[in-house]
Amino acid sequence: MDAFTTGLLQRIRATESDLHRAQETGDDFLVEVEQSELDDLHRLAADHGVELDVQHA
């Protein structure tokens, strides 16, 4: 796995964690921010042919 893919997958995992934390604390604004970031990261992965496992879909 190259550095780009590794970094992208790490960013996705971190953003998912931040999203879940925002959901748990009821921070609706932060939920929207993190969800938007996650959507962008998924789009970036698709654009570069990075396959995400089921837990990241």
C-alpha atoms as a PDB file:
ATOM      1  CA  MET A   1       0.000   0.000   0.000  1.00  0.00           C
ATOM      2  CA  ASP A   2       1.438   3.376  -0.949  1.00  0.00           C
ATOM      3  CA  ALA A   3       1.713   6.430   1.297  1.00  0.00           C
ATOM      4  CA  PHE A   4      -1.244   8.189  -0.351  1.00  0.00           C
ATOM      5  CA  THR A   5      -3.578   5.257   0.280  1.00  0.00           C
ATOM      6  CA  THR A   6      -2.330   4.763   3.826  1.00  0.00           C
ATOM      7  CA  GLY A   7      -2.768   8.439   4.632  1.00  0.00           C
ATOM      8  CA  LEU A   8      -6.212   8.571   3.071  1.00  0.00           C
ATOM      9  CA  LEU A   9      -7.415   5.545   5.013  1.00  0.00           C
ATOM     10  CA  GLN A  10      -6.041   7.030   8.242  1.00  0.00           C
ATOM     11  CA  ARG A  11      -7.883  10.303   7.563  1.00  0.00           C
ATOM     12  CA  ILE A  12     -11.109   8.384   6.898  1.00  0.00           C
ATOM     13  CA  ARG A  13     -10.794   6.445  10.169  1.00  0.00           C
ATOM     14  CA  ALA A  14     -10.034   9.639  12.122  1.00  0.00           C
ATOM     15  CA  THR A  15     -12.953  11.487  10.536  1.00  0.00           C
ATOM     16  CA  GLU A  16     -15.314   8.589  11.262  1.00  0.00           C
ATOM     17  CA  SER A  17     -14.193   8.684  14.887  1.00  0.00           C
ATOM     18  CA  ASP A  18     -14.716  12.457  15.068  1.00  0.00           C
ATOM     19  CA  LEU A  19     -18.141  12.072  13.453  1.00  0.00           C
ATOM     20  CA  HIS A  20     -19.226   9.466  15.993  1.00  0.00           C
ATOM     21  CA  ARG A  21     -17.968  11.647  18.847  1.00  0.00           C
ATOM     22  CA  ALA A  22     -19.926  14.636  17.503  1.00  0.00           C
ATOM     23  CA  GLN A  23     -23.048  12.478  17.197  1.00  0.00           C
ATOM     24  CA  GLU A  24     -22.656  11.204  20.756  1.00  0.00           C
ATOM     25  CA  THR A  25     -22.318  14.723  22.156  1.00  0.00           C
ATOM     26  CA  GLY A  26     -25.218  16.062  20.100  1.00  0.00           C
ATOM     27  CA  ASP A  27     -23.119  18.689  18.293  1.00  0.00           C
ATOM     28  CA  ASP A  28     -25.239  19.029  15.145  1.00  0.00           C
ATOM     29  CA  PHE A  29     -22.948  21.568  13.487  1.00  0.00           C
ATOM     30  CA  LEU A  30     -19.870  19.404  13.990  1.00  0.00           C
ATOM     31  CA  VAL A  31     -21.800  16.370  12.724  1.00  0.00           C
ATOM     32  CA  GLU A  32     -22.453  18.240   9.471  1.00  0.00           C
ATOM     33  CA  VAL A  33     -18.819  19.321   9.188  1.00  0.00           C
ATOM     34  CA  GLU A  34     -17.453  15.829   9.814  1.00  0.00           C
ATOM     35  CA  GLN A  35     -20.004  14.175   7.505  1.00  0.00           C
ATOM     36  CA  SER A  36     -19.058  16.595   4.734  1.00  0.00           C
ATOM     37  CA  GLU A  37     -15.361  15.830   5.283  1.00  0.00           C
ATOM     38  CA  LEU A  38     -16.081  12.093   5.223  1.00  0.00           C
ATOM     39  CA  ASP A  39     -18.066  12.431   1.986  1.00  0.00           C
ATOM     40  CA  ASP A  40     -15.148  14.346   0.425  1.00  0.00           C
ATOM     41  CA  LEU A  41     -12.662  11.691   1.535  1.00  0.00           C
ATOM     42  CA  HIS A  42     -14.830   8.912   0.094  1.00  0.00           C
ATOM     43  CA  ARG A  43     -15.067  10.824  -3.176  1.00  0.00           C
ATOM     44  CA  LEU A  44     -11.288  11.286  -3.214  1.00  0.00           C
ATOM     45  CA  ALA A  45     -10.809   7.567  -2.611  1.00  0.00           C
ATOM     46  CA  ALA A  46     -13.177   6.692  -5.473  1.00  0.00           C
ATOM     47  CA  ASP A  47     -11.456   9.160  -7.803  1.00  0.00           C
ATOM     48  CA  HIS A  48      -8.112   7.466  -7.135  1.00  0.00           C
ATOM     49  CA  GLY A  49      -9.320   3.880  -7.175  1.00  0.00           C
ATOM     50  CA  VAL A  50      -8.823   3.321  -3.457  1.00  0.00           C
ATOM     51  CA  GLU A  51     -11.163   0.571  -2.369  1.00  0.00           C
ATOM     52  CA  LEU A  52     -12.749   0.962   1.017  1.00  0.00           C
ATOM     53  CA  ASP A  53     -13.828  -2.020   3.077  1.00  0.00           C
ATOM     54  CA  VAL A  54     -17.435  -2.351   4.251  1.00  0.00           C
ATOM     55  CA  GLN A  55     -16.875  -0.508   7.548  1.00  0.00           C
ATOM     56  CA  HIS A  56     -15.818   2.620   5.581  1.00  0.00           C
ATOM     57  CA  ALA A  57     -18.581   2.580   3.005  1.00  0.00           C
END
